[in-house]
Protein backbone atom coordinates (compact mmCIF):
# COMPACT_ATOMS: atom_id res chain seq x y z
CA MET A 1 0.79 -23.27 -5.93
CA LEU A 2 -1.25 -20.84 -7.98
CA GLY A 3 -2.32 -22.24 -11.35
CA TYR A 4 -3.14 -20.59 -14.66
CA PHE A 5 -4.89 -17.24 -14.29
CA THR A 6 -7.32 -16.57 -17.14
CA PRO A 7 -6.85 -13.03 -18.57
CA HIS A 8 -9.95 -10.89 -18.66
CA GLU A 9 -10.07 -10.63 -22.46
CA GLN A 10 -9.93 -14.41 -22.74
CA TYR A 11 -12.75 -14.75 -20.20
CA VAL A 12 -14.92 -12.23 -22.11
CA ARG A 13 -14.45 -14.16 -25.37
CA PHE A 14 -15.35 -17.42 -23.64
CA ALA A 15 -18.42 -15.98 -21.89
CA LEU A 16 -19.76 -14.25 -25.01
CA GLY A 17 -19.24 -17.42 -27.06
CA GLU A 18 -21.17 -19.50 -24.54
CA LEU A 19 -23.93 -16.91 -24.22
CA LYS A 20 -24.36 -16.63 -28.01
CA GLN A 21 -25.00 -20.38 -28.17
CA LEU A 22 -27.41 -20.23 -25.24
CA SER A 23 -29.24 -17.22 -26.71
CA GLN A 24 -30.98 -19.51 -29.21
CA ALA A 25 -32.30 -21.99 -26.64
CA ARG A 26 -32.63 -19.80 -23.54
CA PRO A 27 -33.35 -16.17 -24.61
CA ASP A 28 -35.66 -15.55 -21.65
CA GLN A 29 -33.04 -16.76 -19.19
CA ILE A 30 -30.40 -14.48 -20.71
CA ASN A 31 -32.74 -11.51 -20.54
CA GLU A 32 -33.56 -12.40 -16.93
CA HIS A 33 -29.89 -12.15 -15.95
CA LYS A 34 -28.98 -9.14 -18.11
CA GLU A 35 -27.73 -7.11 -15.11
CA ALA A 36 -25.57 -9.97 -13.87
CA ILE A 37 -24.13 -10.51 -17.36
CA LEU A 38 -23.12 -6.88 -17.77
CA LYS A 39 -21.63 -6.67 -14.26
CA MET A 40 -19.48 -9.77 -14.68
CA LEU A 41 -18.28 -8.84 -18.17
CA ILE A 42 -16.97 -5.47 -17.00
CA LEU A 43 -15.43 -6.89 -13.81
CA ASN A 44 -11.73 -7.05 -14.67
CA LEU A 45 -9.98 -9.41 -12.26
CA ASP A 46 -6.52 -9.22 -13.86
CA PRO A 47 -5.10 -7.39 -10.77
CA LEU A 48 -6.26 -10.27 -8.56
CA GLU A 49 -3.36 -12.51 -9.58
CA ALA A 50 -0.68 -10.20 -8.18
CA ALA A 51 -2.75 -9.53 -5.06
CA ILE A 52 -3.11 -13.20 -4.03
CA ALA A 53 0.09 -14.70 -5.51
CA SER A 54 1.88 -14.49 -2.15
CA LEU A 55 -0.89 -16.55 -0.49
CA TYR A 56 0.12 -19.71 -2.39
CA PRO A 57 3.38 -21.65 -1.90
CA PRO A 58 5.68 -22.11 -4.93
CA ILE A 59 5.32 -25.89 -4.76
CA GLY A 60 2.50 -28.31 -4.12
CA ARG A 61 -0.86 -29.02 -5.70
CA THR A 62 -1.94 -26.43 -8.26
CA ALA A 63 -4.91 -24.24 -7.35
CA GLU A 64 -6.93 -23.79 -10.52
CA LEU A 65 -9.77 -21.45 -11.48
CA GLN A 66 -9.10 -18.97 -8.68
CA MET A 67 -10.18 -15.99 -10.80
CA GLU A 68 -13.35 -17.80 -11.86
CA ILE A 69 -14.14 -18.74 -8.26
CA PHE A 70 -13.74 -15.13 -7.09
CA ARG A 71 -15.95 -13.87 -9.93
CA SER A 72 -18.45 -16.57 -9.07
CA LEU A 73 -18.58 -15.30 -5.48
CA VAL A 74 -19.32 -11.77 -6.70
CA LEU A 75 -22.06 -13.17 -8.93
CA MET A 76 -23.40 -15.24 -6.04
CA LYS A 77 -23.80 -12.15 -3.87
CA HIS A 78 -25.58 -10.37 -6.72
CA MET A 79 -28.02 -13.29 -6.99
CA HIS A 80 -28.54 -13.48 -3.19
CA VAL A 81 -27.87 -17.22 -3.09
CA PRO A 82 -26.17 -18.89 -0.05
CA LEU A 83 -22.77 -20.43 -0.73
CA ASN A 84 -23.92 -23.92 0.23
CA ASN A 85 -26.53 -23.79 -2.57
CA TRP A 86 -24.46 -21.92 -5.13
CA VAL A 87 -22.70 -24.83 -6.86
CA GLU A 88 -26.04 -26.55 -7.42
CA LYS A 89 -27.46 -23.27 -8.77
CA LEU A 90 -24.62 -22.97 -11.30
CA THR A 91 -24.99 -26.61 -12.34
CA ASN A 92 -28.67 -26.14 -13.13
CA ASN A 93 -28.29 -22.72 -14.77
CA PRO A 94 -25.95 -22.73 -17.79
CA VAL A 95 -26.29 -18.96 -18.27
CA LEU A 96 -24.92 -18.19 -14.80
CA ARG A 97 -22.29 -20.89 -15.22
CA ALA A 98 -21.06 -19.29 -18.44
CA VAL A 99 -21.08 -15.80 -16.91
CA ALA A 100 -18.99 -17.08 -14.00
CA GLY A 101 -16.48 -18.48 -16.52
CA PHE A 102 -16.92 -22.21 -15.93
CA SER A 103 -17.28 -24.93 -18.52
CA PRO A 104 -19.72 -27.81 -17.81
CA GLU A 105 -16.91 -30.31 -17.22
CA ASN A 106 -14.81 -28.01 -15.02
CA MET A 107 -16.95 -26.93 -12.07
CA PRO A 108 -15.22 -26.47 -8.67
CA SER A 109 -16.77 -27.84 -5.49
CA THR A 110 -17.98 -25.79 -2.54
CA SER A 111 -14.78 -26.61 -0.63
CA SER A 112 -12.76 -24.77 -3.30
CA TYR A 113 -14.74 -21.62 -2.54
CA TYR A 114 -14.04 -21.93 1.17
CA ASP A 115 -10.35 -22.54 0.50
CA LEU A 116 -10.06 -19.27 -1.44
CA ILE A 117 -11.87 -17.36 1.32
CA ASN A 118 -9.62 -18.85 4.00
CA ARG A 119 -6.50 -17.83 2.09
CA ILE A 120 -7.59 -14.26 1.38
CA VAL A 121 -8.69 -13.64 4.98
CA PRO A 122 -5.89 -15.24 7.06
CA LEU A 123 -7.78 -15.28 10.34
CA ASP A 124 -7.97 -18.39 12.50
CA GLU A 125 -11.57 -18.73 13.62
CA ARG A 126 -11.68 -22.37 14.68
CA PRO A 127 -14.03 -23.08 17.58
CA THR A 128 -12.27 -22.27 20.82
CA THR A 129 -13.08 -22.65 24.47
CA LYS A 130 -13.41 -19.58 26.64
CA PRO A 131 -15.43 -18.32 29.62
CA VAL A 132 -18.98 -17.16 29.06
CA LYS A 133 -19.48 -13.41 28.82
CA ARG A 134 -23.15 -12.77 29.38
CA LYS A 135 -25.20 -10.03 27.83
CA PRO A 136 -24.93 -6.76 29.82
CA ARG A 137 -28.06 -5.88 31.75
CA THR A 138 -27.71 -2.11 31.91
CA LYS A 139 -28.92 -0.10 28.94
CA LEU A 140 -27.67 3.22 27.63
CA GLY A 141 -29.78 6.27 26.88
CA LYS A 142 -31.40 7.15 23.58
CA ASN A 143 -28.85 7.72 20.76
CA GLU A 144 -26.06 7.20 23.31
CA LYS A 145 -23.01 5.25 22.18
CA LEU A 146 -20.95 2.86 24.27
CA PRO A 147 -18.00 4.91 25.55
CA PRO A 148 -14.41 3.78 24.87
CA LYS A 149 -12.82 1.54 27.49
CA ASN A 150 -9.92 3.98 27.70
CA PRO A 151 -11.21 7.59 27.75
CA ASN A 152 -7.87 8.92 26.43
CA ILE A 153 -7.39 6.37 23.65
CA THR A 154 -8.05 8.83 20.80
CA ALA A 155 -5.48 11.29 22.14
CA LYS A 156 -2.90 8.49 22.52
CA LEU A 157 -3.53 7.23 18.98
CA ALA A 158 -3.24 10.74 17.55
CA GLU A 159 -0.01 11.35 19.44
CA PHE A 160 1.38 8.04 18.16
CA ILE A 161 0.52 8.91 14.55
CA LEU A 162 1.89 12.45 14.78
CA TYR A 163 5.12 11.15 16.29
CA ASP A 164 5.77 8.25 13.88
CA GLU A 165 3.00 7.48 11.39
CA LYS A 166 5.02 4.89 9.48
CA HIS A 167 5.65 2.87 12.63
CA PHE A 168 1.95 3.12 13.50
CA LEU A 169 0.97 1.74 10.10
CA ARG A 170 3.51 -1.07 10.35
CA ARG A 171 1.86 -2.20 13.57
CA LEU A 172 -1.47 -2.35 11.73
CA SER A 173 -0.10 -4.30 8.76
CA GLY A 174 -1.17 -7.61 10.28
CA ARG A 175 -4.88 -6.82 10.06
CA ALA A 176 -6.98 -9.67 8.67
CA GLU A 177 -8.61 -7.52 5.99
CA ARG A 178 -5.39 -6.26 4.40
CA PHE A 179 -5.59 -8.54 1.32
CA LEU A 180 -9.30 -7.86 0.94
CA GLN A 181 -8.68 -4.11 1.07
CA LYS A 182 -5.99 -4.35 -1.62
CA ILE A 183 -8.18 -6.53 -3.85
CA PHE A 184 -11.15 -4.24 -3.38
CA ALA A 185 -9.06 -1.19 -4.23
CA GLN A 186 -7.65 -2.74 -7.42
CA VAL A 187 -10.72 -4.44 -8.87
CA ALA A 188 -13.45 -2.00 -7.77
CA VAL A 189 -12.20 1.44 -6.69
CA VAL A 190 -9.47 1.98 -9.30
CA PRO A 191 -11.80 1.16 -12.24
CA SER A 192 -14.33 3.63 -10.81
CA ILE A 193 -11.55 6.24 -10.64
CA ASN A 194 -10.55 5.53 -14.24
CA MET A 195 -14.16 5.99 -15.36
CA GLY A 196 -14.32 9.34 -13.60
CA LEU A 197 -16.83 8.21 -10.97
CA ILE A 198 -14.40 9.22 -8.19
CA PRO A 199 -12.30 12.40 -8.56
CA ASN A 200 -8.72 12.61 -7.34
CA GLU A 201 -9.72 15.39 -4.95
CA VAL A 202 -12.45 13.73 -2.98
CA ASP A 203 -14.72 14.36 -0.01
CA ILE A 204 -15.10 11.27 2.17
CA SER A 205 -17.58 10.42 4.90
CA GLY A 206 -17.10 7.86 7.66
CA ASP A 207 -19.61 5.96 9.73
CA GLY A 208 -19.76 2.83 11.86
CA THR A 209 -22.41 0.12 11.72
CA CYS A 210 -23.39 -2.82 13.91
CA ILE A 211 -23.21 -6.31 12.39
CA GLU A 212 -24.64 -9.26 14.28
CA THR A 213 -23.01 -12.65 13.95
CA GLY A 214 -25.00 -15.76 13.14
CA ALA A 215 -23.35 -17.63 16.00
CA SER A 216 -24.89 -18.07 19.43
CA HIS A 217 -23.50 -16.11 22.36
CA TYR A 218 -24.38 -18.98 24.72
CA GLY A 219 -21.77 -21.35 23.34
CA LYS A 220 -21.79 -25.11 23.72
CA LYS A 221 -21.35 -26.69 27.12
CA ILE A 222 -18.47 -29.13 27.42
CA CYS A 223 -18.68 -29.71 31.19
CA ASP A 224 -20.70 -32.27 33.16
CA CYS A 225 -22.45 -29.75 35.40
CA ALA A 226 -25.85 -30.40 33.82
CA LYS A 227 -25.64 -34.07 34.76
CA ASN A 228 -25.23 -33.01 38.37
CA GLY A 229 -28.25 -30.70 38.22
CA ASN A 230 -26.37 -27.41 37.73
CA TYR A 231 -27.79 -25.89 34.56
CA LYS A 232 -26.46 -22.35 35.10
CA CYS A 233 -22.78 -22.97 35.59
CA ASP A 234 -20.05 -20.53 34.51
CA CYS A 235 -17.69 -23.18 33.14
CA PRO A 236 -15.85 -22.42 29.88
CA ARG A 237 -17.78 -23.27 26.73
CA LYS A 238 -16.98 -23.86 23.07
CA PHE A 239 -17.92 -21.00 20.72
CA SER A 240 -18.30 -21.21 16.96
CA ASP A 241 -17.47 -17.48 16.70
CA PRO A 242 -14.91 -16.82 19.45
CA ASN A 243 -14.02 -13.33 18.15
CA ALA A 244 -17.52 -11.89 18.53
CA THR A 245 -18.20 -9.54 21.46
CA TRP A 246 -21.08 -7.58 22.94
CA GLY A 247 -21.75 -4.05 21.70
CA TRP A 248 -24.43 -1.39 22.01
CA ASP A 249 -26.57 -0.46 18.99
CA SER A 250 -27.56 3.17 19.63
CA SER A 251 -30.06 3.26 16.74
CA LYS A 252 -32.01 0.21 17.91
CA GLU A 253 -31.24 0.90 21.59
CA GLN A 254 -30.27 -2.68 22.32
CA TRP A 255 -27.24 -4.89 22.84
CA PHE A 256 -25.98 -6.98 19.93
CA TYR A 257 -23.46 -9.81 19.63
CA GLY A 258 -21.05 -9.54 16.73
CA TYR A 259 -18.80 -6.88 15.23
CA THR A 260 -18.64 -3.22 14.30
CA GLY A 261 -17.86 -2.22 10.74
CA TYR A 262 -16.42 1.16 9.82
CA PHE A 263 -17.08 2.38 6.27
CA ILE A 264 -15.49 5.29 4.39
CA SER A 265 -17.52 6.36 1.38
CA THR A 266 -17.91 9.14 -1.15
CA TYR A 267 -20.83 10.58 -3.11
CA ASN A 268 -21.05 11.11 -6.87
CA LYS A 269 -23.41 14.05 -7.45
CA ASP A 270 -23.77 13.47 -11.19
CA LEU A 271 -24.89 9.84 -10.89
CA LYS A 272 -26.40 10.41 -7.44
CA THR A 273 -24.56 7.31 -6.33
CA ASP A 274 -22.76 6.41 -3.12
CA LEU A 275 -19.50 4.49 -3.44
CA PRO A 276 -17.64 2.65 -0.66
CA LEU A 277 -13.89 3.22 -0.55
CA TYR A 278 -12.71 1.49 2.62
CA ILE A 279 -14.09 -1.10 5.06
CA ARG A 280 -12.74 -2.19 8.43
CA PHE A 281 -14.16 -4.66 10.98
CA VAL A 282 -13.41 -4.43 14.69
CA GLU A 283 -14.86 -5.70 17.94
CA ALA A 284 -18.42 -4.69 18.71
CA SER A 285 -17.51 -2.59 21.73
CA ARG A 286 -15.06 -0.30 19.91
CA HIS A 287 -16.13 3.32 19.67
CA ASP A 288 -16.39 4.92 16.23
CA SER A 289 -13.95 7.66 17.27
CA VAL A 290 -11.19 5.06 17.60
CA SER A 291 -12.14 3.34 14.35
CA ALA A 292 -12.17 6.68 12.53
CA ILE A 293 -8.57 7.56 13.46
CA VAL A 294 -7.23 4.12 12.57
CA SER A 295 -9.27 3.96 9.37
CA LEU A 296 -8.15 7.40 8.17
CA ALA A 297 -4.50 6.44 8.66
CA GLU A 298 -4.95 3.17 6.75
CA PHE A 299 -7.03 4.89 4.08
CA GLY A 300 -4.25 7.39 3.40
CA GLU A 301 -1.73 4.57 3.01
CA LEU A 302 -4.01 2.48 0.78
CA TYR A 303 -5.07 5.33 -1.54
CA GLN A 304 -2.04 7.56 -1.96
CA GLN A 305 -3.43 8.78 -5.30
CA PHE A 306 -6.28 10.54 -3.50
CA ASN A 307 -6.14 14.12 -2.31
CA VAL A 308 -8.74 14.06 0.46
CA ASN A 309 -10.36 17.48 0.70
CA THR A 310 -12.90 16.98 3.49
CA PHE A 311 -13.70 14.34 6.09
CA ILE A 312 -17.38 14.29 7.03
CA SER A 313 -18.62 12.50 10.13
CA ASP A 314 -21.24 12.46 12.83
CA SER A 315 -20.61 13.53 16.42
CA ALA A 316 -18.80 10.26 17.23
CA SER A 317 -15.60 11.83 15.83
CA ASP A 318 -16.11 15.12 17.67
CA ASN A 319 -12.88 15.04 19.68
CA TYR A 320 -9.78 17.20 19.60
CA ALA A 321 -7.50 14.33 18.59
CA THR A 322 -9.37 13.83 15.31
CA TYR A 323 -9.33 17.55 14.53
CA GLU A 324 -5.58 17.73 15.18
CA LEU A 325 -4.89 14.77 12.89
CA LEU A 326 -7.07 16.14 10.11
CA ASN A 327 -5.30 19.49 10.41
CA HIS A 328 -1.94 17.68 10.27
CA TRP A 329 -3.00 15.86 7.08
CA GLY A 330 -4.42 19.04 5.53
CA ILE A 331 -7.99 17.70 5.50
CA ASN A 332 -10.98 19.91 6.23
CA ALA A 333 -13.16 18.71 9.11
CA VAL A 334 -16.95 18.72 8.78
CA ILE A 335 -17.99 16.96 11.98
CA ALA A 336 -21.24 17.39 13.87
CA LEU A 337 -20.85 18.74 17.38
CA ASN A 338 -21.48 16.42 20.28
CA SER A 339 -24.10 18.05 22.49
CA LYS A 340 -22.29 16.75 25.59
CA ASN A 341 -19.03 18.50 24.64
CA LYS A 342 -20.28 22.05 24.18
CA GLY A 343 -18.67 24.91 26.02
CA GLN A 344 -15.35 23.25 26.80
CA ALA A 345 -13.19 25.94 25.22
CA THR A 346 -12.20 29.40 26.42
CA TYR A 347 -11.78 32.38 24.13
CA PRO A 348 -10.47 35.96 24.34
CA THR A 349 -12.74 38.22 26.36
CA ALA A 350 -13.43 40.46 23.35
CA LEU A 351 -14.79 37.49 21.42
CA SER A 352 -18.15 35.87 22.05
CA VAL A 353 -18.78 32.56 20.29
CA ASP A 354 -21.98 30.56 19.97
CA ASN A 355 -22.25 26.75 19.95
CA HIS A 356 -21.63 26.67 16.20
CA GLY A 357 -18.33 28.51 16.41
CA ARG A 358 -19.65 31.81 15.03
CA PRO A 359 -18.61 35.05 16.76
CA THR A 360 -21.15 37.68 17.79
CA CYS A 361 -20.66 41.43 17.89
CA PRO A 362 -20.90 43.42 21.15
CA GLY A 363 -24.53 44.14 20.24
CA GLY A 364 -25.34 40.42 20.26
CA ARG A 365 -25.71 40.05 16.50
CA GLN A 366 -24.13 37.16 14.62
CA MET A 367 -21.10 38.29 12.60
CA THR A 368 -21.05 37.61 8.84
CA PHE A 369 -18.42 35.20 7.50
CA PHE A 370 -16.27 36.97 4.90
CA GLY A 371 -13.80 34.35 3.74
CA PHE A 372 -10.80 32.31 4.83
CA CYS A 373 -7.40 34.04 4.72
CA ARG A 374 -5.05 31.26 3.69
CA ASP A 375 -1.91 33.38 3.97
CA ARG A 376 -2.51 33.91 7.69
CA CYS A 377 -4.70 30.85 8.33
CA ARG A 378 -7.58 32.77 9.81
CA LEU A 379 -11.29 33.37 9.28
CA LYS A 380 -12.61 36.85 8.61
CA TRP A 381 -15.91 38.05 10.08
CA ARG A 382 -17.57 41.44 9.42
CA CYS A 383 -20.22 43.54 11.08
CA PRO A 384 -23.74 42.37 10.10
CA ARG A 385 -24.95 45.99 10.01
CA VAL A 386 -22.72 46.65 6.97
CA THR A 387 -22.95 43.31 5.19
CA LYS A 388 -26.71 42.80 5.63
CA GLY A 389 -27.86 46.41 5.70
CA LEU A 390 -29.33 46.20 9.20
CA GLU A 391 -30.27 49.11 11.38
CA PRO A 392 -27.55 50.33 13.80
CA CYS A 393 -27.66 48.77 17.25
CA ASP A 394 -26.95 50.34 20.65
CA ALA A 395 -23.34 49.12 20.58
CA CYS A 396 -22.42 50.66 17.22
CA ASP A 397 -21.05 53.91 18.69
CA SER A 398 -18.66 52.10 21.03
CA CYS A 399 -17.90 49.29 18.56
CA SER A 400 -16.64 50.79 15.28
CA LYS A 401 -17.49 53.97 13.36
CA SER A 402 -15.73 52.78 10.21
CA PRO A 403 -17.93 52.51 7.07
CA TYR A 404 -16.42 49.05 6.58
CA GLY A 405 -17.75 47.93 9.94
CA ARG A 406 -16.05 46.02 12.71
CA VAL A 407 -13.86 43.09 11.63
CA ILE A 408 -12.98 40.06 13.77
CA TYR A 409 -10.48 37.41 12.83
CA THR A 410 -10.62 33.95 14.35
CA LYS A 411 -7.78 31.53 13.95
CA PRO A 412 -8.50 27.80 13.52
CA ASN A 413 -5.66 26.91 15.89
CA TRP A 414 -7.47 28.67 18.73
CA ASP A 415 -9.89 25.79 18.73
CA LEU A 416 -9.75 23.36 15.83
CA ARG A 417 -13.05 21.90 16.91
CA LEU A 418 -15.12 25.09 16.64
CA PHE A 419 -13.11 27.24 14.24
CA THR A 420 -12.93 24.85 11.31
CA CYS A 421 -11.58 26.03 7.95
CA ILE A 422 -15.09 25.58 6.56
CA PRO A 423 -17.08 27.65 9.08
CA ARG A 424 -19.81 25.82 10.93
CA GLY A 425 -23.25 26.84 9.79
CA SER A 426 -22.06 28.25 6.47
CA ASP A 427 -23.69 27.18 3.21
CA GLU A 428 -20.59 25.20 2.22
CA TRP A 429 -20.52 23.45 5.60
CA LYS A 430 -24.21 22.53 5.34
CA ASP A 431 -23.77 21.31 1.76
CA LYS A 432 -20.92 19.01 2.72
CA MET A 433 -22.67 17.80 5.86
CA LYS A 434 -25.51 16.55 3.66
CA GLN A 435 -23.02 14.13 2.10
CA ARG A 436 -22.52 12.44 5.47
CA THR A 437 -25.49 10.21 4.77
CA ALA A 438 -23.49 8.62 1.92
CA ALA A 439 -21.79 6.34 4.45
CA GLU A 440 -25.14 5.44 5.98
CA ARG A 441 -26.61 4.63 2.58
CA VAL A 442 -23.59 2.48 1.72
CA ASN A 443 -24.07 0.65 5.02
CA ASN A 444 -27.69 0.04 4.09
CA ARG A 445 -26.81 -1.24 0.63
CA ILE A 446 -24.21 -3.69 1.90
CA LEU A 447 -26.11 -4.88 4.96
CA ASN A 448 -29.67 -4.93 3.57
CA ASP A 449 -29.68 -4.78 -0.23
CA TYR A 450 -26.95 -7.43 -0.44
CA GLY A 451 -28.10 -9.28 2.66
CA ILE A 452 -25.02 -9.25 4.88
CA GLU A 453 -27.17 -8.56 7.93
CA HIS A 454 -29.57 -11.42 7.09
CA ASP A 455 -27.03 -14.02 5.92
CA ALA A 456 -26.31 -15.06 9.54
CA GLN A 457 -22.64 -15.61 8.70
CA ARG A 458 -20.53 -16.91 11.54
CA GLY A 459 -17.15 -15.34 12.17
CA LYS A 460 -15.30 -12.21 11.23
CA LYS A 461 -13.69 -14.00 8.29
CA ARG A 462 -16.98 -14.75 6.51
CA ILE A 463 -18.61 -11.44 7.43
CA ALA A 464 -15.62 -9.42 6.22
CA PHE A 465 -15.19 -11.33 2.97
CA PHE A 466 -18.81 -11.15 1.87
CA SER A 467 -19.07 -7.51 2.91
CA PHE A 468 -16.21 -6.69 0.56
CA VAL A 469 -17.84 -8.77 -2.18
CA ALA A 470 -21.05 -6.80 -1.64
CA ALA A 471 -19.05 -3.54 -1.85
CA ILE A 472 -17.61 -4.70 -5.19
CA ASN A 473 -21.18 -5.19 -6.40
CA VAL A 474 -22.04 -1.64 -5.33
CA HIS A 475 -19.22 -0.32 -7.52
CA LEU A 476 -20.28 -2.54 -10.41
CA ASP A 477 -23.83 -1.18 -10.15
CA ALA A 478 -22.49 2.37 -10.46
CA GLN A 479 -20.15 1.41 -13.33
CA CYS A 480 -22.99 -0.28 -15.22
CA LYS A 481 -25.14 2.80 -14.77
CA PHE A 482 -22.36 5.00 -16.14
CA LEU A 483 -21.36 2.71 -19.02
CA ALA A 484 -24.96 2.27 -20.14
CA GLU A 485 -25.02 6.02 -20.80
CA HIS A 486 -21.42 6.31 -22.07
CA PRO A 487 -20.38 2.95 -23.60
CA PRO A 488 -16.63 3.09 -24.34
CA LEU A 489 -14.90 1.42 -27.28
CA ASP A 490 -13.20 -1.05 -24.96
CA PHE A 491 -16.59 -2.61 -24.21
CA SER A 492 -18.07 -2.29 -27.71
CA HIS A 493 -18.18 -6.08 -28.24
CA VAL A 494 -19.99 -6.50 -24.93
CA PHE A 495 -22.60 -3.87 -25.69
CA ASN A 496 -23.08 -5.14 -29.24
CA PHE A 497 -23.94 -8.55 -27.83
CA LEU A 498 -26.31 -7.04 -25.29
CA LYS A 499 -28.05 -4.96 -27.98
CA GLU A 500 -28.43 -8.04 -30.15
CA HIS A 501 -29.60 -10.56 -27.59
CA ILE A 502 -31.01 -8.59 -24.63
CA LEU A 503 -34.02 -6.33 -24.79
CA ILE A 504 -32.61 -3.25 -23.05
CA SER A 505 -32.56 0.23 -24.50
CA ALA A 506 -29.34 1.72 -23.12
CA ALA A 507 -27.18 -1.36 -23.69
């Protein structure tokens, strides 16, 4: 059963009391960990109790210090220390121990950390026996992604969602990351929203990333073939990460063994900070177009307070199913065109359209975009001779003699892929497309800055958990940056301590 859950205010009083005593004997050590101190003191884990209460039975041995253990894991990822060495690190460093919320006589063991992880991510990853699946020999072309196993899977998923979205989401409710996603939303995203770092009307960008597992793809032999001289048998083997699969990394142009993560992020222009909003882990061979549709559906259910204005993505999501879903949800699509999918649509004979979805006049000049008519859901284009003051062309006499110039209307439902509500190639479209790199930068922060890619974790459970912990740290970094410039009254006691005992200007 779940034991006493320390309220955040009580934790802050305890931590500040311990740090004030240590400030006399260890001022250099406190100043060394000033960033960690500020991050942990503003990390409010009060919502964690309700999120994990259902994971513990009402009877049995009491699980104590669960909030402190979770905070300690966030601190551990900030310090880039492996879990197996973390308890020893806390024992030898009283400043970090106090910041985590532990007293000297009440330190949990490493097994308590693993128990909390196993409860939050209910995924059975015990070593299992299965046939060997060797690394594929064929390689794909440059920047070419591994195609979906089922070419029509995106259309089927979109049709399923459009027909009964609630039933679709119920079928996804058993995902292993569901508790992690709820915890991450409550302890990281919601505080960022309350601080104004994330607006209610938000532009989001999605991108997939390759994550290698620390387990071997060879497995462990359990047969006696080697004793008989057969060292290359295909007998089933025992794998420490049975859920890992082979996938193609288009950026490195090589096969990898592990998982694919899909991240949805947003960009704060004022702080120039990228913030993760949603994380999902799937098999390595899954195409980003499939992950995008599933992730967008789950994202909408998880964050009902958001009004998503625009979804920004690379060409992996350039398929009609995604455009139809985004149009159904009322979300603008800013998706790069896939060079292999150009020229698939047909248009009225009087309308000539380039690869960017922009009509051209009979004289071959590109028409000028003149606004989106919401009442009739159509885009207005005018003659470039009138709007740009160009010289008349040979087709002007047969085109339009009106001083206003020829006008062409294109309707988004002619082709949702080309005729997006934000016209391709427009200044607004280019400005939003620049935000697409937010997801890539978030991937880099989680995988490289916080070491997920180099931790060599084995199993989806460990990789998913520590990726979410790293994402919490990313939000805390942004919150610290904001609060250092705008310290609120709620944190006045924290900042007063930092001003008194830590040599930093802003805090």
